[in-house]
Amino acid sequence: MDITNASYLISSPSIEACPPADRPEYAFIGRSNVGKSSVLNLLADREHLAKTSGSPGKTQLINHFEIESGAKGAKLKWYMVDLPGYGFAKVSQAQRKNWEKMIENYIRKRETLGVLFVLIDSRHGPQALDLEFIDKLGEWQVPFALVFTKSDKSTQKEVAANVRAFLNALAEHWDPLPPHFVTSAEKKTGRKPCWIISKRATISTREPPGESRFRECSRSRWFRLP
């Protein structure tokens, strides 16, 4: 995908405060410190689009980035969305509940959400928090794909083993498995598979609100086993 322009637009404390749902958007979420900002910069092909931080929990709002792609005369406008992590940093119980509600409302109610990209740290084996969140997406019927991050921080053998272990854990409850790919911000790998998945899931905003995303989820047949 040839991205011709990418810029920060707005940070919103709730779905009601988000920009009008008038174009496709693709959201990114993961545990705190999973490398979300680095992935956003990689995919947008911009070094400083999203601010990176070594401190977990810096993303506390719904952050929209305005993207333009395509050749001249056939420009497409859409959003990349950076969501707060579901692992959360050290915050109060009240703040934690506010974040959880904000994230759930966005994921379940945002009419133009095409795909939710769930980021998984490839340096580790399966984590209960990630698996529980993915099962929740199944209950909500939200189309999603897995992005394994930080593959440059371990050997290829270790990354492959961790990815395989995670998919095996998912296979106990999911059939078939959701799409997945491995990224490296340093090596600039994983960008193309992400946009192939996005292109397949692009929503026409001319369809009735909410209908197209669930048809896409149904077609993809990513469902949790009983």
C-alpha atoms as a PDB file:
ATOM      1  CA  MET A   1       0.000   0.000   0.000  1.00  0.00           C
ATOM      2  CA  ASP A   2       1.377   3.383  -1.018  1.00  0.00           C
ATOM      3  CA  ILE A   3       0.626   5.858   1.770  1.00  0.00           C
ATOM      4  CA  THR A   4       0.957   9.414   0.500  1.00  0.00           C
ATOM      5  CA  ASN A   5      -0.012  11.288   3.658  1.00  0.00           C
ATOM      6  CA  ALA A   6      -0.312  10.419   7.348  1.00  0.00           C
ATOM      7  CA  SER A   7      -0.971  12.792  10.218  1.00  0.00           C
ATOM      8  CA  TYR A   8      -2.292  12.847  13.767  1.00  0.00           C
ATOM      9  CA  LEU A   9      -5.903  14.067  13.934  1.00  0.00           C
ATOM     10  CA  ILE A  10      -7.412  13.886  17.431  1.00  0.00           C
ATOM     11  CA  SER A  11      -7.443  12.095  20.799  1.00  0.00           C
ATOM     12  CA  SER A  12     -10.894  11.287  22.147  1.00  0.00           C
ATOM     13  CA  PRO A  13     -12.002  10.258  25.657  1.00  0.00           C
ATOM     14  CA  SER A  14     -15.052   8.348  24.343  1.00  0.00           C
ATOM     15  CA  ILE A  15     -16.594   6.977  21.168  1.00  0.00           C
ATOM     16  CA  GLU A  16     -19.033   9.878  21.167  1.00  0.00           C
ATOM     17  CA  ALA A  17     -16.120  12.310  20.865  1.00  0.00           C
ATOM     18  CA  CYS A  18     -14.470  10.449  17.958  1.00  0.00           C
ATOM     19  CA  PRO A  19     -14.448  11.909  14.431  1.00  0.00           C
ATOM     20  CA  PRO A  20     -17.534  11.218  12.269  1.00  0.00           C
ATOM     21  CA  ALA A  21     -17.698   7.574  11.134  1.00  0.00           C
ATOM     22  CA  ASP A  22     -17.475   8.485   7.457  1.00  0.00           C
ATOM     23  CA  ARG A  23     -14.579   6.313   6.282  1.00  0.00           C
ATOM     24  CA  PRO A  24     -12.964   2.921   6.988  1.00  0.00           C
ATOM     25  CA  GLU A  25     -10.697   2.645   9.990  1.00  0.00           C
ATOM     26  CA  TYR A  26      -8.341   0.049  11.398  1.00  0.00           C
ATOM     27  CA  ALA A  27      -7.591  -0.038  15.104  1.00  0.00           C
ATOM     28  CA  PHE A  28      -4.596  -1.384  17.022  1.00  0.00           C
ATOM     29  CA  ILE A  29      -4.589  -2.690  20.576  1.00  0.00           C
ATOM     30  CA  GLY A  30      -2.386  -4.808  22.828  1.00  0.00           C
ATOM     31  CA  ARG A  31      -0.995  -5.133  26.321  1.00  0.00           C
ATOM     32  CA  SER A  32       0.962  -2.195  27.699  1.00  0.00           C
ATOM     33  CA  ASN A  33       4.481  -1.929  26.270  1.00  0.00           C
ATOM     34  CA  VAL A  34       3.782  -4.331  23.374  1.00  0.00           C
ATOM     35  CA  GLY A  35       5.312  -1.925  20.832  1.00  0.00           C
ATOM     36  CA  LYS A  36       2.123  -0.436  19.420  1.00  0.00           C
ATOM     37  CA  SER A  37       3.556   2.944  18.430  1.00  0.00           C
ATOM     38  CA  SER A  38       6.457   1.307  16.598  1.00  0.00           C
ATOM     39  CA  VAL A  39       4.026  -0.856  14.622  1.00  0.00           C
ATOM     40  CA  LEU A  40       1.884   2.153  13.699  1.00  0.00           C
ATOM     41  CA  ASN A  41       4.960   4.013  12.466  1.00  0.00           C
ATOM     42  CA  LEU A  42       6.081   0.958  10.518  1.00  0.00           C
ATOM     43  CA  LEU A  43       2.736   0.463   8.811  1.00  0.00           C
ATOM     44  CA  ALA A  44       2.315   4.151   8.000  1.00  0.00           C
ATOM     45  CA  ASP A  45       5.914   4.302   6.777  1.00  0.00           C
ATOM     46  CA  ARG A  46       6.468   7.358   8.986  1.00  0.00           C
ATOM     47  CA  GLU A  47       9.186   7.414  11.635  1.00  0.00           C
ATOM     48  CA  HIS A  48       7.499   9.720  14.143  1.00  0.00           C
ATOM     49  CA  LEU A  49       3.760   9.497  13.425  1.00  0.00           C
ATOM     50  CA  ALA A  50       2.960   7.867  16.768  1.00  0.00           C
ATOM     51  CA  LYS A  51       5.076   8.768  19.783  1.00  0.00           C
ATOM     52  CA  THR A  52       6.986   5.845  21.260  1.00  0.00           C
ATOM     53  CA  SER A  53       7.600   5.552  24.989  1.00  0.00           C
ATOM     54  CA  GLY A  54       9.403   3.177  27.320  1.00  0.00           C
ATOM     55  CA  SER A  55       6.747   3.764  29.981  1.00  0.00           C
ATOM     56  CA  PRO A  56       3.677   1.464  29.828  1.00  0.00           C
ATOM     57  CA  GLY A  57       0.225   3.009  29.796  1.00  0.00           C
ATOM     58  CA  LYS A  58       1.046   6.251  27.970  1.00  0.00           C
ATOM     59  CA  THR A  59      -1.872   5.791  25.561  1.00  0.00           C
ATOM     60  CA  GLN A  60      -4.969   6.740  27.536  1.00  0.00           C
ATOM     61  CA  LEU A  61      -7.327   8.003  24.818  1.00  0.00           C
ATOM     62  CA  ILE A  62      -8.654   6.891  21.421  1.00  0.00           C
ATOM     63  CA  ASN A  63      -6.106   8.354  19.003  1.00  0.00           C
ATOM     64  CA  HIS A  64      -7.099   8.860  15.359  1.00  0.00           C
ATOM     65  CA  PHE A  65      -4.552   9.284  12.570  1.00  0.00           C
ATOM     66  CA  GLU A  66      -5.733  10.483   9.172  1.00  0.00           C
ATOM     67  CA  ILE A  67      -4.293   8.472   6.272  1.00  0.00           C
ATOM     68  CA  GLU A  68      -4.334   8.962   2.499  1.00  0.00           C
ATOM     69  CA  SER A  69      -3.237   6.225   0.130  1.00  0.00           C
ATOM     70  CA  GLY A  70      -3.376   5.317  -3.542  1.00  0.00           C
ATOM     71  CA  ALA A  71      -2.273   6.852  -6.797  1.00  0.00           C
ATOM     72  CA  LYS A  72      -3.157  10.340  -7.956  1.00  0.00           C
ATOM     73  CA  GLY A  73      -6.786  10.493  -9.044  1.00  0.00           C
ATOM     74  CA  ALA A  74      -7.696   7.479  -6.927  1.00  0.00           C
ATOM     75  CA  LYS A  75      -6.924   8.657  -3.411  1.00  0.00           C
ATOM     76  CA  LEU A  76      -8.431   6.794  -0.460  1.00  0.00           C
ATOM     77  CA  LYS A  77      -8.945   8.409   2.950  1.00  0.00           C
ATOM     78  CA  TRP A  78      -9.151   6.330   6.089  1.00  0.00           C
ATOM     79  CA  TYR A  79      -8.106   6.205   9.740  1.00  0.00           C
ATOM     80  CA  MET A  80      -5.558   4.310  11.779  1.00  0.00           C
ATOM     81  CA  VAL A  81      -6.627   4.193  15.433  1.00  0.00           C
ATOM     82  CA  ASP A  82      -4.375   3.729  18.444  1.00  0.00           C
ATOM     83  CA  LEU A  83      -6.285   2.309  21.435  1.00  0.00           C
ATOM     84  CA  PRO A  84      -5.161   2.144  25.096  1.00  0.00           C
ATOM     85  CA  GLY A  85      -3.592  -1.147  26.116  1.00  0.00           C
ATOM     86  CA  TYR A  86      -5.779  -3.726  27.845  1.00  0.00           C
ATOM     87  CA  GLY A  87      -3.022  -4.716  30.279  1.00  0.00           C
ATOM     88  CA  PHE A  88      -3.039  -1.219  31.797  1.00  0.00           C
ATOM     89  CA  ALA A  89      -0.315   0.498  33.761  1.00  0.00           C
ATOM     90  CA  LYS A  90      -0.453   1.263  37.474  1.00  0.00           C
ATOM     91  CA  VAL A  91      -3.673   3.267  37.698  1.00  0.00           C
ATOM     92  CA  SER A  92      -6.586   3.500  40.074  1.00  0.00           C
ATOM     93  CA  GLN A  93      -9.434   0.989  39.912  1.00  0.00           C
ATOM     94  CA  ALA A  94     -11.783   3.748  38.754  1.00  0.00           C
ATOM     95  CA  GLN A  95      -9.446   4.749  35.922  1.00  0.00           C
ATOM     96  CA  ARG A  96      -9.040   1.120  34.915  1.00  0.00           C
ATOM     97  CA  LYS A  97     -12.816   0.673  34.640  1.00  0.00           C
ATOM     98  CA  ASN A  98     -13.138   3.885  32.610  1.00  0.00           C
ATOM     99  CA  TRP A  99     -10.530   2.659  30.135  1.00  0.00           C
ATOM    100  CA  GLU A 100     -12.144  -0.762  29.866  1.00  0.00           C
ATOM    101  CA  LYS A 101     -15.541   0.793  29.121  1.00  0.00           C
ATOM    102  CA  MET A 102     -14.066   3.204  26.593  1.00  0.00           C
ATOM    103  CA  ILE A 103     -12.276   0.399  24.752  1.00  0.00           C
ATOM    104  CA  GLU A 104     -15.310  -1.907  24.741  1.00  0.00           C
ATOM    105  CA  ASN A 105     -17.637   0.843  23.496  1.00  0.00           C
ATOM    106  CA  TYR A 106     -15.298   1.708  20.647  1.00  0.00           C
ATOM    107  CA  ILE A 107     -14.688  -1.890  19.567  1.00  0.00           C
ATOM    108  CA  ARG A 108     -18.348  -2.927  19.720  1.00  0.00           C
ATOM    109  CA  LYS A 109     -20.049   0.238  18.483  1.00  0.00           C
ATOM    110  CA  ARG A 110     -17.744   1.922  15.983  1.00  0.00           C
ATOM    111  CA  GLU A 111     -19.612   1.400  12.709  1.00  0.00           C
ATOM    112  CA  THR A 112     -16.660   1.806  10.354  1.00  0.00           C
ATOM    113  CA  LEU A 113     -14.148  -0.399  12.179  1.00  0.00           C
ATOM    114  CA  GLY A 114     -12.898  -2.802   9.519  1.00  0.00           C
ATOM    115  CA  VAL A 115     -10.364  -4.870  11.462  1.00  0.00           C
ATOM    116  CA  LEU A 116      -8.991  -4.758  14.987  1.00  0.00           C
ATOM    117  CA  PHE A 117      -5.297  -5.649  15.006  1.00  0.00           C
ATOM    118  CA  VAL A 118      -4.365  -7.338  18.285  1.00  0.00           C
ATOM    119  CA  LEU A 119      -0.660  -6.974  19.055  1.00  0.00           C
ATOM    120  CA  ILE A 120       1.161  -9.860  20.740  1.00  0.00           C
ATOM    121  CA  ASP A 121       4.743  -9.689  22.059  1.00  0.00           C
ATOM    122  CA  SER A 122       6.636 -12.410  20.184  1.00  0.00           C
ATOM    123  CA  ARG A 123       9.317 -12.584  22.880  1.00  0.00           C
ATOM    124  CA  HIS A 124       6.976 -14.485  25.195  1.00  0.00           C
ATOM    125  CA  GLY A 125       4.858 -17.594  25.177  1.00  0.00           C
ATOM    126  CA  PRO A 126       1.036 -17.471  25.422  1.00  0.00           C
ATOM    127  CA  GLN A 127      -0.195 -14.998  28.043  1.00  0.00           C
ATOM    128  CA  ALA A 128      -3.578 -15.488  29.713  1.00  0.00           C
ATOM    129  CA  LEU A 129      -4.444 -11.801  29.351  1.00  0.00           C
ATOM    130  CA  ASP A 130      -4.058 -11.933  25.558  1.00  0.00           C
ATOM    131  CA  LEU A 131      -6.033 -15.164  25.212  1.00  0.00           C
ATOM    132  CA  GLU A 132      -8.859 -13.849  27.404  1.00  0.00           C
ATOM    133  CA  PHE A 133      -9.098 -10.642  25.386  1.00  0.00           C
ATOM    134  CA  ILE A 134      -9.224 -12.555  22.096  1.00  0.00           C
ATOM    135  CA  ASP A 135     -11.995 -14.807  23.440  1.00  0.00           C
ATOM    136  CA  LYS A 136     -13.904 -11.661  24.335  1.00  0.00           C
ATOM    137  CA  LEU A 137     -13.611 -10.469  20.732  1.00  0.00           C
ATOM    138  CA  GLY A 138     -15.180 -13.753  19.663  1.00  0.00           C
ATOM    139  CA  GLU A 139     -18.129 -13.147  21.957  1.00  0.00           C
ATOM    140  CA  TRP A 140     -18.496  -9.649  20.494  1.00  0.00           C
ATOM    141  CA  GLN A 141     -18.156 -10.903  16.872  1.00  0.00           C
ATOM    142  CA  VAL A 142     -15.407  -8.425  16.058  1.00  0.00           C
ATOM    143  CA  PRO A 143     -13.188  -9.147  13.000  1.00  0.00           C
ATOM    144  CA  PHE A 144      -9.546  -9.152  14.059  1.00  0.00           C
ATOM    145  CA  ALA A 145      -6.047 -10.225  13.110  1.00  0.00           C
ATOM    146  CA  LEU A 146      -2.959 -10.958  15.216  1.00  0.00           C
ATOM    147  CA  VAL A 147       0.248  -8.938  14.926  1.00  0.00           C
ATOM    148  CA  PHE A 148       3.291 -10.485  16.602  1.00  0.00           C
ATOM    149  CA  THR A 149       5.668  -7.650  17.525  1.00  0.00           C
ATOM    150  CA  LYS A 150       9.345  -7.207  18.443  1.00  0.00           C
ATOM    151  CA  SER A 151      10.572 -10.157  16.378  1.00  0.00           C
ATOM    152  CA  ASP A 152      13.965  -8.445  16.140  1.00  0.00           C
ATOM    153  CA  LYS A 153      14.442  -8.759  19.916  1.00  0.00           C
ATOM    154  CA  SER A 154      14.775 -12.572  19.836  1.00  0.00           C
ATOM    155  CA  THR A 155      16.196 -15.207  17.516  1.00  0.00           C
ATOM    156  CA  GLN A 156      14.056 -16.435  14.614  1.00  0.00           C
ATOM    157  CA  LYS A 157      13.851 -19.838  16.300  1.00  0.00           C
ATOM    158  CA  GLU A 158      12.538 -18.337  19.544  1.00  0.00           C
ATOM    159  CA  VAL A 159      10.005 -16.162  17.716  1.00  0.00           C
ATOM    160  CA  ALA A 160       8.754 -19.095  15.642  1.00  0.00           C
ATOM    161  CA  ALA A 161       8.381 -21.241  18.762  1.00  0.00           C
ATOM    162  CA  ASN A 162       6.455 -18.530  20.646  1.00  0.00           C
ATOM    163  CA  VAL A 163       4.150 -17.836  17.703  1.00  0.00           C
ATOM    164  CA  ARG A 164       3.481 -21.545  17.272  1.00  0.00           C
ATOM    165  CA  ALA A 165       2.761 -21.955  20.998  1.00  0.00           C
ATOM    166  CA  PHE A 166       0.332 -19.033  20.942  1.00  0.00           C
ATOM    167  CA  LEU A 167      -1.533 -20.358  17.907  1.00  0.00           C
ATOM    168  CA  ASN A 168      -1.691 -23.821  19.469  1.00  0.00           C
ATOM    169  CA  ALA A 169      -3.237 -22.299  22.591  1.00  0.00           C
ATOM    170  CA  LEU A 170      -5.780 -20.448  20.452  1.00  0.00           C
ATOM    171  CA  ALA A 171      -6.595 -23.626  18.516  1.00  0.00           C
ATOM    172  CA  GLU A 172      -8.102 -25.100  21.691  1.00  0.00           C
ATOM    173  CA  HIS A 173     -10.996 -22.638  21.342  1.00  0.00           C
ATOM    174  CA  TRP A 174     -10.850 -21.281  17.772  1.00  0.00           C
ATOM    175  CA  ASP A 175     -11.476 -22.853  14.372  1.00  0.00           C
ATOM    176  CA  PRO A 176     -10.141 -21.699  12.017  1.00  0.00           C
ATOM    177  CA  LEU A 177      -7.430 -19.504  13.442  1.00  0.00           C
ATOM    178  CA  PRO A 178      -7.524 -15.760  12.717  1.00  0.00           C
ATOM    179  CA  PRO A 179      -4.988 -14.255  10.273  1.00  0.00           C
ATOM    180  CA  HIS A 180      -1.615 -13.485  11.799  1.00  0.00           C
ATOM    181  CA  PHE A 181       1.741 -12.061  10.792  1.00  0.00           C
ATOM    182  CA  VAL A 182       5.060 -11.157  12.394  1.00  0.00           C
ATOM    183  CA  THR A 183       6.547  -7.653  12.415  1.00  0.00           C
ATOM    184  CA  SER A 184       9.885  -6.034  13.092  1.00  0.00           C
ATOM    185  CA  ALA A 185      10.092  -2.258  13.383  1.00  0.00           C
ATOM    186  CA  GLU A 186      13.872  -2.384  13.036  1.00  0.00           C
ATOM    187  CA  LYS A 187      13.916  -4.663   9.984  1.00  0.00           C
ATOM    188  CA  LYS A 188      10.783  -3.059   8.466  1.00  0.00           C
ATOM    189  CA  THR A 189       9.065  -6.421   7.983  1.00  0.00           C
ATOM    190  CA  GLY A 190       5.364  -7.304   8.254  1.00  0.00           C
ATOM    191  CA  ARG A 191       3.963  -4.183   6.604  1.00  0.00           C
ATOM    192  CA  LYS A 192       2.601  -5.791   3.430  1.00  0.00           C
ATOM    193  CA  PRO A 193       0.575  -8.638   5.074  1.00  0.00           C
ATOM    194  CA  CYS A 194      -1.157  -6.124   7.323  1.00  0.00           C
ATOM    195  CA  TRP A 195      -2.463  -4.033   4.450  1.00  0.00           C
ATOM    196  CA  ILE A 196      -3.527  -7.109   2.483  1.00  0.00           C
ATOM    197  CA  ILE A 197      -5.755  -8.056   5.435  1.00  0.00           C
ATOM    198  CA  SER A 198      -7.026  -4.478   5.695  1.00  0.00           C
ATOM    199  CA  LYS A 199      -7.885  -4.311   2.012  1.00  0.00           C
ATOM    200  CA  ARG A 200      -9.963  -7.489   2.219  1.00  0.00           C
ATOM    201  CA  ALA A 201     -11.934  -6.117   5.155  1.00  0.00           C
ATOM    202  CA  THR A 202     -12.578  -2.594   3.868  1.00  0.00           C
ATOM    203  CA  ILE A 203     -16.087  -1.460   4.749  1.00  0.00           C
ATOM    204  CA  SER A 204     -18.368   0.513   2.485  1.00  0.00           C
ATOM    205  CA  THR A 205     -19.757   3.272   4.671  1.00  0.00           C
ATOM    206  CA  ARG A 206     -22.784   3.432   2.386  1.00  0.00           C
ATOM    207  CA  GLU A 207     -24.120   0.240   3.957  1.00  0.00           C
ATOM    208  CA  PRO A 208     -26.414   0.384   7.010  1.00  0.00           C
ATOM    209  CA  PRO A 209     -24.431   0.994  10.222  1.00  0.00           C
ATOM    210  CA  GLY A 210     -23.035  -2.115  11.845  1.00  0.00           C
ATOM    211  CA  GLU A 211     -24.194  -4.610   9.216  1.00  0.00           C
ATOM    212  CA  SER A 212     -21.140  -4.899   6.975  1.00  0.00           C
ATOM    213  CA  ARG A 213     -18.635  -5.582   9.762  1.00  0.00           C
ATOM    214  CA  PHE A 214     -20.631  -8.546  11.054  1.00  0.00           C
ATOM    215  CA  ARG A 215     -21.089  -9.986   7.566  1.00  0.00           C
ATOM    216  CA  GLU A 216     -17.325  -9.787   7.145  1.00  0.00           C
ATOM    217  CA  CYS A 217     -16.830 -11.540  10.470  1.00  0.00           C
ATOM    218  CA  SER A 218     -19.268 -14.248   9.402  1.00  0.00           C
ATOM    219  CA  ARG A 219     -17.577 -14.738   6.026  1.00  0.00           C
ATOM    220  CA  SER A 220     -14.154 -15.077   7.598  1.00  0.00           C
ATOM    221  CA  ARG A 221     -15.465 -17.815   9.916  1.00  0.00           C
ATOM    222  CA  TRP A 222     -13.301 -16.854  12.868  1.00  0.00           C
ATOM    223  CA  PHE A 223     -15.358 -18.272  15.666  1.00  0.00           C
ATOM    224  CA  ARG A 224     -14.857 -19.726  19.094  1.00  0.00           C
ATOM    225  CA  LEU A 225     -15.550 -23.417  19.557  1.00  0.00           C
ATOM    226  CA  PRO A 226     -18.279 -24.304  22.078  1.00  0.00           C
END
